[in-house]
Protein backbone atom coordinates (compact mmCIF):
# COMPACT_ATOMS: atom_id res chain seq x y z
CA MET A 1 58.40 83.70 90.12
CA ALA A 2 60.07 82.49 86.93
CA ASN A 3 62.15 85.65 86.49
CA GLU A 4 63.54 85.75 90.03
CA PHE A 5 67.32 85.82 90.18
CA LYS A 6 68.48 82.94 92.37
CA TRP A 7 71.32 83.41 94.83
CA ALA A 8 73.57 81.19 96.87
CA PHE A 9 74.49 83.07 100.05
CA ILE A 10 77.88 82.31 101.56
CA GLY A 11 77.53 83.93 104.96
CA ALA A 12 74.50 84.93 107.01
CA GLY A 13 75.73 87.39 109.62
CA THR A 14 74.62 90.96 110.40
CA LEU A 15 75.02 92.32 106.88
CA GLY A 16 73.90 89.10 105.17
CA ALA A 17 70.63 89.14 107.10
CA LYS A 18 69.99 92.79 106.23
CA VAL A 19 70.67 92.21 102.53
CA ALA A 20 68.50 89.09 102.46
CA ARG A 21 65.50 90.95 103.89
CA GLU A 22 65.80 93.79 101.40
CA ILE A 23 66.32 91.83 98.20
CA THR A 24 63.76 89.07 98.84
CA ALA A 25 61.04 91.60 99.72
CA SER A 26 61.28 92.85 96.12
CA LYS A 27 60.21 89.44 94.75
CA ARG A 28 62.92 89.89 92.10
CA HIS A 29 65.49 87.86 94.00
CA ARG A 30 65.36 84.52 95.79
CA ILE A 31 67.89 82.81 98.04
CA VAL A 32 67.98 79.14 97.08
CA SER A 33 70.90 78.02 99.24
CA VAL A 34 72.99 79.22 102.15
CA TYR A 35 76.24 78.14 103.74
CA VAL A 36 77.61 79.32 107.05
CA ARG A 37 79.83 77.24 109.32
CA ASN A 38 77.46 77.44 112.28
CA ALA A 39 74.80 74.77 111.64
CA GLU A 40 72.20 76.40 113.88
CA LYS A 41 72.54 79.78 112.20
CA ARG A 42 72.52 78.10 108.80
CA ALA A 43 69.27 76.26 109.55
CA ALA A 44 67.59 79.36 110.95
CA PHE A 45 68.47 81.47 107.92
CA ALA A 46 67.45 78.72 105.49
CA GLY A 47 64.11 78.36 107.28
CA ILE A 48 63.27 82.02 106.86
CA TYR A 49 63.96 82.06 103.12
CA GLY A 50 63.04 78.52 102.12
CA ALA A 51 66.64 77.88 101.12
CA LEU A 52 68.79 74.77 101.17
CA PRO A 53 70.94 74.74 104.36
CA ALA A 54 74.10 73.50 102.65
CA GLU A 55 76.68 71.63 104.70
CA THR A 56 79.56 72.94 102.56
CA ALA A 57 80.15 76.05 100.49
CA GLU A 58 80.48 73.87 97.38
CA GLN A 59 77.07 72.31 98.01
CA ALA A 60 75.52 75.78 98.28
CA ILE A 61 77.19 76.96 95.08
CA ARG A 62 76.21 73.82 93.18
CA ALA A 63 72.59 73.92 94.39
CA GLU A 64 69.94 73.63 91.71
CA GLY A 65 69.04 76.88 90.00
CA VAL A 66 71.82 79.09 91.42
CA ASP A 67 72.36 82.09 89.10
CA GLY A 68 74.93 83.89 91.25
CA VAL A 69 76.90 83.63 94.48
CA TYR A 70 76.91 86.39 97.10
CA ILE A 71 79.83 86.23 99.53
CA VAL A 72 79.26 88.05 102.82
CA THR A 73 81.72 86.44 105.25
CA PRO A 74 84.63 88.02 107.17
CA HIS A 75 87.29 89.54 104.89
CA THR A 76 89.76 86.72 105.41
CA SER A 77 87.57 84.08 103.76
CA HIS A 78 86.46 86.10 100.72
CA PHE A 79 89.32 84.83 98.57
CA GLU A 80 88.68 81.17 99.38
CA TYR A 81 84.96 81.30 98.59
CA ALA A 82 85.25 83.56 95.54
CA LYS A 83 87.92 81.29 94.07
CA LEU A 84 85.76 78.23 94.66
CA ALA A 85 82.71 79.79 93.01
CA LEU A 86 84.68 80.97 89.97
CA GLU A 87 86.28 77.55 89.56
CA LEU A 88 82.77 76.06 89.62
CA GLY A 89 81.72 78.49 86.90
CA LYS A 90 79.32 80.57 89.01
CA PRO A 91 79.13 84.40 88.86
CA VAL A 92 80.30 86.14 92.03
CA LEU A 93 79.24 89.27 93.89
CA CYS A 94 81.75 89.52 96.75
CA GLU A 95 81.50 91.95 99.65
CA LYS A 96 84.19 94.56 99.99
CA PRO A 97 87.06 94.23 100.28
CA VAL A 98 87.19 91.21 98.00
CA SER A 99 90.34 90.11 99.81
CA THR A 100 92.95 91.31 102.28
CA ASP A 101 95.69 92.29 99.82
CA ALA A 102 96.20 93.19 96.17
CA GLN A 103 97.97 89.97 95.28
CA LYS A 104 94.89 87.89 96.11
CA VAL A 105 92.60 90.36 94.31
CA ARG A 106 94.78 90.08 91.22
CA LYS A 107 94.49 86.28 91.32
CA LEU A 108 90.68 86.44 91.48
CA ILE A 109 90.54 88.85 88.54
CA GLU A 110 92.83 86.59 86.52
CA LEU A 111 90.69 83.56 87.38
CA SER A 112 87.51 85.40 86.38
CA ARG A 113 89.02 86.25 83.00
CA GLU A 114 90.44 82.77 82.50
CA LYS A 115 87.09 81.11 83.22
CA GLY A 116 85.00 83.78 81.51
CA VAL A 117 82.87 84.10 84.66
CA TYR A 118 81.43 87.31 86.12
CA PHE A 119 83.17 88.64 89.23
CA THR A 120 82.68 91.96 90.96
CA GLU A 121 83.05 93.69 94.31
CA ALA A 122 79.88 94.57 96.21
CA MET A 123 80.90 98.24 96.45
CA TRP A 124 77.32 99.47 96.51
CA THR A 125 78.35 103.15 96.39
CA TRP A 126 79.26 102.73 92.73
CA PHE A 127 76.13 100.86 91.82
CA SER A 128 74.39 103.99 93.12
CA PRO A 129 73.00 106.60 90.70
CA VAL A 130 74.11 109.42 93.02
CA ALA A 131 77.83 108.61 93.01
CA ASN A 132 77.72 108.12 89.27
CA LYS A 133 75.98 111.49 88.83
CA VAL A 134 78.73 113.19 90.85
CA ARG A 135 81.31 111.55 88.58
CA GLU A 136 79.34 112.66 85.51
CA TRP A 137 79.40 116.27 86.75
CA PHE A 138 83.07 115.99 87.63
CA ASP A 139 84.08 114.52 84.26
CA ALA A 140 82.06 117.19 82.46
CA GLY A 141 84.08 119.92 84.19
CA GLU A 142 81.13 121.24 86.21
CA TYR A 143 83.31 121.75 89.31
CA GLY A 144 86.07 123.57 87.47
CA GLU A 145 89.53 123.48 89.04
CA LEU A 146 89.49 121.31 92.17
CA GLN A 147 90.22 123.40 95.26
CA GLN A 148 89.29 121.09 98.14
CA PHE A 149 88.42 117.41 98.32
CA SER A 150 88.01 115.91 101.77
CA MET A 151 86.13 112.98 103.27
CA THR A 152 85.51 111.63 106.75
CA TYR A 153 84.21 108.26 107.81
CA HIS A 154 83.98 108.22 111.60
CA MET A 155 81.57 105.63 112.93
CA LYS A 156 81.74 104.08 116.39
CA SER A 157 81.43 100.67 114.78
CA ILE A 158 84.04 98.63 116.63
CA ASN A 159 81.22 96.57 118.17
CA TYR A 160 79.11 96.36 114.98
CA ALA A 161 80.22 92.74 114.54
CA PRO A 162 82.92 90.63 116.24
CA ARG A 163 85.07 90.59 113.09
CA VAL A 164 85.59 94.40 113.24
CA SER A 165 87.87 94.15 116.29
CA ASP A 166 89.49 90.81 115.43
CA PRO A 167 92.98 91.05 113.88
CA GLY A 168 92.73 87.41 112.87
CA LEU A 169 89.79 88.36 110.63
CA ALA A 170 91.54 91.46 109.21
CA GLY A 171 89.46 93.75 111.41
CA GLY A 172 90.00 97.47 111.77
CA ALA A 173 89.06 100.78 110.22
CA LEU A 174 90.87 100.68 106.88
CA LEU A 175 89.29 97.61 105.30
CA ASP A 176 85.89 98.14 106.91
CA VAL A 177 85.22 101.87 106.49
CA GLY A 178 88.31 103.47 104.94
CA ILE A 179 87.67 101.58 101.74
CA TYR A 180 84.63 103.81 101.02
CA PRO A 181 86.36 107.22 100.82
CA ILE A 182 89.43 105.73 99.14
CA THR A 183 87.22 104.16 96.50
CA TYR A 184 85.30 107.40 95.99
CA ALA A 185 88.48 109.39 95.45
CA CYS A 186 89.97 106.84 93.07
CA ARG A 187 86.80 106.60 90.99
CA LEU A 188 86.82 110.39 90.46
CA LEU A 189 90.54 110.99 90.03
CA GLY A 190 92.12 107.65 89.13
CA LYS A 191 94.92 105.93 90.98
CA PRO A 192 96.97 108.27 93.21
CA GLU A 193 100.68 108.64 92.51
CA ARG A 194 101.45 109.14 96.19
CA VAL A 195 99.82 107.91 99.40
CA THR A 196 100.52 109.25 102.88
CA CYS A 197 98.97 107.47 105.85
CA ARG A 198 99.23 107.94 109.60
CA GLY A 199 97.26 105.38 111.55
CA THR A 200 96.52 104.43 115.13
CA LEU A 201 97.05 100.77 116.00
CA ARG A 202 95.47 99.15 119.02
CA GLY A 203 95.05 95.49 119.92
CA GLY A 204 96.41 94.32 116.57
CA ILE A 205 94.06 96.40 114.42
CA ASP A 206 93.97 99.93 113.05
CA VAL A 207 91.30 102.02 114.76
CA GLY A 208 91.69 105.09 112.55
CA GLU A 209 93.73 106.82 109.86
CA GLU A 210 94.59 110.20 108.43
CA ILE A 211 95.26 109.64 104.72
CA THR A 212 96.32 111.99 101.96
CA LEU A 213 96.09 110.90 98.34
CA ALA A 214 98.02 112.88 95.72
CA PHE A 215 97.01 112.43 92.08
CA PRO A 216 98.94 112.87 88.82
CA GLY A 217 96.99 116.00 87.87
CA GLY A 218 98.01 117.77 91.09
CA GLU A 219 94.73 117.10 92.89
CA ARG A 220 94.73 115.99 96.50
CA CYS A 221 92.21 114.27 98.72
CA SER A 222 92.34 114.16 102.51
CA ILE A 223 90.60 111.33 104.34
CA SER A 224 89.96 110.76 108.03
CA THR A 225 88.63 107.44 109.37
CA SER A 226 87.77 105.98 112.76
CA ILE A 227 85.83 103.10 114.27
CA LEU A 228 86.04 104.62 117.77
CA ASP A 229 84.08 107.89 117.48
CA PHE A 230 81.52 109.89 115.54
CA LYS A 231 83.71 112.99 115.00
CA GLY A 232 82.86 114.29 111.57
CA LEU A 233 80.59 111.32 110.88
CA GLU A 234 80.54 110.51 107.17
CA ARG A 235 80.97 113.67 105.13
CA MET A 236 82.41 114.72 101.81
CA LYS A 237 83.37 118.17 100.55
CA LEU A 238 84.09 118.49 96.84
CA ILE A 239 84.84 122.14 96.11
CA GLY A 240 85.92 123.55 92.78
CA SER A 241 86.32 126.95 91.18
CA LYS A 242 82.88 126.67 89.55
CA ALA A 243 80.76 124.57 91.92
CA ARG A 244 80.71 122.44 95.04
CA THR A 245 78.97 119.40 96.50
CA ASP A 246 78.63 118.64 100.22
CA LEU A 247 77.39 115.18 101.11
CA ARG A 248 76.63 113.27 104.26
CA PHE A 249 76.58 109.47 104.15
CA TYR A 250 78.09 109.66 100.68
CA HIS A 251 78.50 105.89 100.39
CA SER A 252 74.75 105.29 100.26
CA ILE A 253 72.90 108.60 99.89
CA ASP A 254 69.99 108.91 97.45
CA ARG A 255 70.14 112.62 96.65
CA VAL A 256 72.82 115.16 95.74
CA LYS A 257 73.05 118.84 94.80
CA LEU A 258 75.53 120.63 92.55
CA ARG A 259 75.85 124.15 93.95
CA ARG A 260 77.13 126.42 91.20
CA LYS A 261 78.88 129.71 91.97
CA HIS A 262 77.22 131.24 88.93
CA GLY A 263 74.00 129.88 87.51
CA ARG A 264 71.30 127.63 88.87
CA ASN A 265 71.96 124.78 91.24
CA GLU A 266 71.18 121.27 90.05
CA SER A 267 69.63 118.51 92.15
CA PHE A 268 69.50 114.79 91.51
CA ARG A 269 67.80 111.86 93.19
CA GLY A 270 68.45 108.16 92.70
CA LYS A 271 67.87 105.07 94.79
CA GLY A 272 71.15 103.74 96.11
CA GLY A 273 70.16 100.85 98.36
CA MET A 274 71.42 97.30 98.26
CA LEU A 275 68.47 96.20 96.14
CA ASN A 276 69.67 98.51 93.37
CA GLU A 277 73.09 96.84 93.49
CA PHE A 278 71.59 93.35 93.26
CA ASP A 279 69.24 94.35 90.44
CA LEU A 280 72.11 95.79 88.40
CA VAL A 281 74.42 92.84 89.05
CA ALA A 282 71.68 90.35 88.12
CA GLY A 283 71.13 92.28 84.90
CA GLU A 284 74.83 92.24 84.03
CA ILE A 285 75.09 88.51 84.70
CA ARG A 286 72.05 87.84 82.53
CA GLU A 287 73.68 89.89 79.75
CA GLY A 288 76.64 87.54 79.88
CA LEU A 289 79.15 90.12 81.12
CA THR A 290 82.21 88.93 83.02
CA GLU A 291 83.11 92.36 84.45
CA SER A 292 80.81 95.01 85.87
CA ARG A 293 80.34 98.36 84.14
CA PHE A 294 79.81 99.94 87.56
CA VAL A 295 82.65 98.40 89.59
CA PRO A 296 85.31 97.29 87.08
CA HIS A 297 88.20 95.05 88.07
CA ALA A 298 90.81 97.80 87.69
CA ALA A 299 88.99 100.02 90.20
CA THR A 300 88.89 97.25 92.81
CA LEU A 301 92.58 96.49 92.31
CA ASP A 302 93.66 100.15 92.45
CA VAL A 303 91.94 100.63 95.81
CA MET A 304 93.43 97.43 97.24
CA GLU A 305 96.91 98.60 96.23
CA VAL A 306 96.31 101.93 97.98
CA MET A 307 95.20 100.11 101.14
CA ASP A 308 98.25 97.84 100.96
CA GLU A 309 100.43 100.95 100.93
CA CYS A 310 98.52 102.42 103.88
CA ARG A 311 99.11 99.23 105.84
CA ARG A 312 102.80 99.24 104.92
CA GLN A 313 103.19 102.79 106.23
CA MET A 314 101.31 101.96 109.44
CA GLY A 315 103.24 98.73 109.98
CA LEU A 316 99.95 96.83 110.10
CA VAL A 317 100.47 93.10 109.60
CA TYR A 318 97.68 90.63 110.35
CA PRO A 319 98.47 87.48 112.36
CA PHE A 320 97.77 85.15 109.44
CA GLU A 321 100.30 87.08 107.34
CA GLU A 322 102.97 86.67 110.00
CA GLU A 323 102.24 82.96 110.09
CA GLY A 324 102.45 82.76 106.31
């Protein structure tokens, strides 16, 4: 179709395959090229989607018709590929986290601005209508004075993909699952003025954290993460003097309810899948934007700085940082 948005995929692992199935089924998106180091995997993926099996990332990015580049590789290579795409003048949607530390994120943002090329983090929660509705209620004062704000993200996901348990690929709980509740808290309350983190390290990675974020207005958010168990699953409690919201699977849910203490409750539904994210990003790129309205650069950088501080307090240093 003439109006299909054409993607270069850098990466074709577990998540990449899931995303590819969902977006191409819509007929609004097409994958025209793919690069992954493993030639057999590259050829198999390209065969399914009729894409060019590029022998280098640059070849994939430069392929004819590419409108945008989706980076879905292990965390440690995000910076390299995002930098390459931006230097080649191609818009970038990069999986979270967009790099392993704030310094690298800052460099990508600066490069995006210098080149005038779109760059955003694939933080699909905030391309979701539900999360944005919660923020709308919050900003409008619907919750009143914040009394409790807590989130859990406990998923036994250490075997989800090999990278999750690999310290050389920046594996662990914080960058893989902790980023979701931290991002949620920061998007509602801004950047915290104080971060407290107690983590459990095992085999060179963090397998879980207990994090408290304290904000300038006196609000606090408590976060618990783990990749070893399902205790608490993925839940959020946002309780104020006027109303409350309780959510499960808050990073991707498609419905939410505002439960008022006085007055009628309010419900909202909105599709929050990956297709929604890709549709919105494609629209922003076609508009000529260089920064997303939904996941702005400052939000990505704030969260990365919080995670840097969590790692500092845990004493978590990745092998490639020690070498460097």
